[in-house]
Protein backbone atom coordinates (compact mmCIF):
# COMPACT_ATOMS: atom_id res chain seq x y z
CA MET A 1 46.97 28.96 -45.67
CA ASN A 2 45.16 30.20 -42.59
CA ASN A 3 47.24 27.93 -40.37
CA GLY A 4 50.51 29.20 -41.85
CA GLU A 5 49.49 32.83 -41.44
CA LYS A 6 48.33 32.24 -37.87
CA LYS A 7 51.54 30.40 -37.03
CA MET A 8 53.67 33.19 -38.47
CA GLU A 9 51.76 35.85 -36.55
CA ASN A 10 51.96 33.79 -33.37
CA ALA A 11 55.71 33.30 -33.75
CA LEU A 12 56.26 37.01 -34.35
CA ARG A 13 54.02 37.97 -31.44
CA TRP A 14 55.62 35.49 -29.05
CA GLY A 15 59.08 36.56 -30.25
CA MET A 16 58.31 40.20 -29.46
CA ILE A 17 56.82 39.33 -26.08
CA GLY A 18 59.24 36.56 -25.02
CA GLY A 19 62.25 38.01 -26.80
CA GLY A 20 62.15 35.49 -29.66
CA ARG A 21 63.75 32.64 -27.72
CA THR A 22 61.30 29.77 -28.04
CA SER A 23 59.75 31.18 -31.21
CA GLN A 24 63.12 31.55 -32.94
CA VAL A 25 64.01 27.96 -32.14
CA GLY A 26 60.91 26.58 -33.88
CA TYR A 27 60.31 29.47 -36.26
CA LYS A 28 63.84 30.32 -37.45
CA THR A 29 65.12 26.88 -38.37
CA PRO A 30 67.19 26.41 -41.55
């Protein structure tokens, strides 16, 4: 549970900072 929450927060943070390019690839995958 902690890992999932941390991963989600990291993806959102990286997406906001990096523009959501690398995060979206690994975070927004159908």
